[in-house]
Amino acid sequence: MLNREITDSESQTLKQSGCSQAAFTTDSLPTDASVPVTRLDFDDTVSPTLAAAIEAALEAVKTVPDITVPGLTVPAQPAEPVQQPEPVAVAAAD
């Protein structure tokens, strides 16, 4: 979430600076519904890690003057890779 509603020009700058996979939507500040803000939703399939994706987005935001990130929501991630259960062999009945 950005601290204010951004212009089309600013959204283009963000897309060119590393937020190309972001969806930009206008929302309101959770603590004050009268304050319009821009929400960025990412579905990053390019970055090697979640941390790298977040860092790239935060660096992109720095390219636009007077924009800050007052809120960041990150979905829960598994601590370890999810392992699939081993297949169980079943004997055929006669």
C-alpha atoms as a PDB file:
ATOM      1  CA  MET A   1       0.000   0.000   0.000  1.00  0.00           C
ATOM      2  CA  LEU A   2       1.306   3.445  -0.892  1.00  0.00           C
ATOM      3  CA  ASN A   3       0.738   6.577   1.160  1.00  0.00           C
ATOM      4  CA  ARG A   4      -1.479   8.253  -1.442  1.00  0.00           C
ATOM      5  CA  GLU A   5      -3.291   7.759  -4.711  1.00  0.00           C
ATOM      6  CA  ILE A   6      -0.782   7.850  -7.556  1.00  0.00           C
ATOM      7  CA  THR A   7      -1.088   9.256 -11.074  1.00  0.00           C
ATOM      8  CA  ASP A   8      -0.971   7.270 -14.314  1.00  0.00           C
ATOM      9  CA  SER A   9       2.513   8.671 -14.927  1.00  0.00           C
ATOM     10  CA  GLU A  10       3.679   7.507 -11.510  1.00  0.00           C
ATOM     11  CA  SER A  11       2.244   4.037 -12.057  1.00  0.00           C
ATOM     12  CA  GLN A  12       4.153   3.825 -15.353  1.00  0.00           C
ATOM     13  CA  THR A  13       7.351   4.838 -13.556  1.00  0.00           C
ATOM     14  CA  LEU A  14       6.770   2.112 -10.966  1.00  0.00           C
ATOM     15  CA  LYS A  15       6.104  -0.491 -13.647  1.00  0.00           C
ATOM     16  CA  GLN A  16       9.318   0.467 -15.443  1.00  0.00           C
ATOM     17  CA  SER A  17      11.284   0.423 -12.174  1.00  0.00           C
ATOM     18  CA  GLY A  18      10.461  -3.103 -11.085  1.00  0.00           C
ATOM     19  CA  CYS A  19       6.719  -3.324 -10.433  1.00  0.00           C
ATOM     20  CA  SER A  20       5.783  -4.615 -13.886  1.00  0.00           C
ATOM     21  CA  GLN A  21       3.804  -7.521 -12.428  1.00  0.00           C
ATOM     22  CA  ALA A  22       1.837  -5.377  -9.968  1.00  0.00           C
ATOM     23  CA  ALA A  23      -1.867  -4.647 -10.176  1.00  0.00           C
ATOM     24  CA  PHE A  24      -2.604  -1.067  -9.091  1.00  0.00           C
ATOM     25  CA  THR A  25      -5.931  -0.279  -7.411  1.00  0.00           C
ATOM     26  CA  THR A  26      -7.307   2.691  -5.531  1.00  0.00           C
ATOM     27  CA  ASP A  27      -8.267   1.937  -1.956  1.00  0.00           C
ATOM     28  CA  SER A  28      -8.617   3.778   1.337  1.00  0.00           C
ATOM     29  CA  LEU A  29      -6.227   3.936   4.243  1.00  0.00           C
ATOM     30  CA  PRO A  30      -7.296   1.247   6.739  1.00  0.00           C
ATOM     31  CA  THR A  31      -6.995   3.678   9.659  1.00  0.00           C
ATOM     32  CA  ASP A  32      -8.838   6.534   7.874  1.00  0.00           C
ATOM     33  CA  ALA A  33     -11.319   5.638   5.127  1.00  0.00           C
ATOM     34  CA  SER A  34     -11.372   9.250   3.890  1.00  0.00           C
ATOM     35  CA  VAL A  35      -7.719   9.027   2.748  1.00  0.00           C
ATOM     36  CA  PRO A  36      -7.324   7.541  -0.769  1.00  0.00           C
ATOM     37  CA  VAL A  37      -4.255   5.367  -1.308  1.00  0.00           C
ATOM     38  CA  THR A  38      -2.942   3.065  -4.002  1.00  0.00           C
ATOM     39  CA  ARG A  39      -2.707  -0.649  -3.330  1.00  0.00           C
ATOM     40  CA  LEU A  40      -0.225  -2.765  -5.255  1.00  0.00           C
ATOM     41  CA  ASP A  41      -0.905  -6.490  -5.517  1.00  0.00           C
ATOM     42  CA  PHE A  42       1.922  -8.644  -6.805  1.00  0.00           C
ATOM     43  CA  ASP A  43       1.925 -12.079  -8.375  1.00  0.00           C
ATOM     44  CA  ASP A  44       5.682 -12.287  -8.859  1.00  0.00           C
ATOM     45  CA  THR A  45       6.849 -15.397 -10.649  1.00  0.00           C
ATOM     46  CA  VAL A  46      10.224 -13.941 -11.677  1.00  0.00           C
ATOM     47  CA  SER A  47      11.996 -13.148  -8.403  1.00  0.00           C
ATOM     48  CA  PRO A  48      13.986 -15.991  -6.866  1.00  0.00           C
ATOM     49  CA  THR A  49      12.520 -15.426  -3.376  1.00  0.00           C
ATOM     50  CA  LEU A  50       9.725 -13.553  -1.656  1.00  0.00           C
ATOM     51  CA  ALA A  51      12.319 -11.355   0.061  1.00  0.00           C
ATOM     52  CA  ALA A  52      13.876 -10.426  -3.295  1.00  0.00           C
ATOM     53  CA  ALA A  53      10.451  -9.515  -4.698  1.00  0.00           C
ATOM     54  CA  ILE A  54       9.673  -7.291  -1.702  1.00  0.00           C
ATOM     55  CA  GLU A  55      13.076  -5.595  -1.880  1.00  0.00           C
ATOM     56  CA  ALA A  56      12.668  -4.909  -5.615  1.00  0.00           C
ATOM     57  CA  ALA A  57       9.227  -3.377  -5.059  1.00  0.00           C
ATOM     58  CA  LEU A  58      10.451  -1.175  -2.215  1.00  0.00           C
ATOM     59  CA  GLU A  59      13.369   0.023  -4.373  1.00  0.00           C
ATOM     60  CA  ALA A  60      10.955   0.812  -7.219  1.00  0.00           C
ATOM     61  CA  VAL A  61       8.828   2.942  -4.889  1.00  0.00           C
ATOM     62  CA  LYS A  62      11.908   5.049  -4.092  1.00  0.00           C
ATOM     63  CA  THR A  63      11.991   6.178  -7.753  1.00  0.00           C
ATOM     64  CA  VAL A  64       8.786   8.205  -7.334  1.00  0.00           C
ATOM     65  CA  PRO A  65       9.098  11.396  -5.256  1.00  0.00           C
ATOM     66  CA  ASP A  66       6.876  11.740  -2.173  1.00  0.00           C
ATOM     67  CA  ILE A  67       5.716   8.114  -2.211  1.00  0.00           C
ATOM     68  CA  THR A  68       6.121   5.929   0.863  1.00  0.00           C
ATOM     69  CA  VAL A  69       4.908   2.513   1.970  1.00  0.00           C
ATOM     70  CA  PRO A  70       2.899   2.945   5.185  1.00  0.00           C
ATOM     71  CA  GLY A  71       1.625  -0.634   5.112  1.00  0.00           C
ATOM     72  CA  LEU A  72       2.850  -3.980   3.844  1.00  0.00           C
ATOM     73  CA  THR A  73       0.876  -7.204   3.986  1.00  0.00           C
ATOM     74  CA  VAL A  74       2.674 -10.418   3.115  1.00  0.00           C
ATOM     75  CA  PRO A  75       0.793 -13.706   2.856  1.00  0.00           C
ATOM     76  CA  ALA A  76       1.962 -16.505   5.131  1.00  0.00           C
ATOM     77  CA  GLN A  77       4.659 -18.671   3.588  1.00  0.00           C
ATOM     78  CA  PRO A  78       5.553 -22.238   4.558  1.00  0.00           C
ATOM     79  CA  ALA A  79       8.751 -22.495   6.609  1.00  0.00           C
ATOM     80  CA  GLU A  80       9.869 -25.466   4.539  1.00  0.00           C
ATOM     81  CA  PRO A  81       8.914 -26.725   1.086  1.00  0.00           C
ATOM     82  CA  VAL A  82       5.669 -28.653   1.112  1.00  0.00           C
ATOM     83  CA  GLN A  83       6.412 -32.352   0.707  1.00  0.00           C
ATOM     84  CA  GLN A  84       4.055 -34.610  -1.148  1.00  0.00           C
ATOM     85  CA  PRO A  85       3.146 -37.886   0.602  1.00  0.00           C
ATOM     86  CA  GLU A  86       4.805 -41.034  -0.753  1.00  0.00           C
ATOM     87  CA  PRO A  87       2.509 -43.102  -2.988  1.00  0.00           C
ATOM     88  CA  VAL A  88       1.194 -46.253  -1.330  1.00  0.00           C
ATOM     89  CA  ALA A  89       1.235 -49.483  -3.314  1.00  0.00           C
ATOM     90  CA  VAL A  90      -2.025 -51.392  -3.081  1.00  0.00           C
ATOM     91  CA  ALA A  91      -2.148 -55.105  -3.936  1.00  0.00           C
ATOM     92  CA  ALA A  92      -4.833 -56.109  -6.395  1.00  0.00           C
ATOM     93  CA  ALA A  93      -7.557 -58.353  -4.967  1.00  0.00           C
ATOM     94  CA  ASP A  94      -8.104 -61.745  -6.641  1.00  0.00           C
END
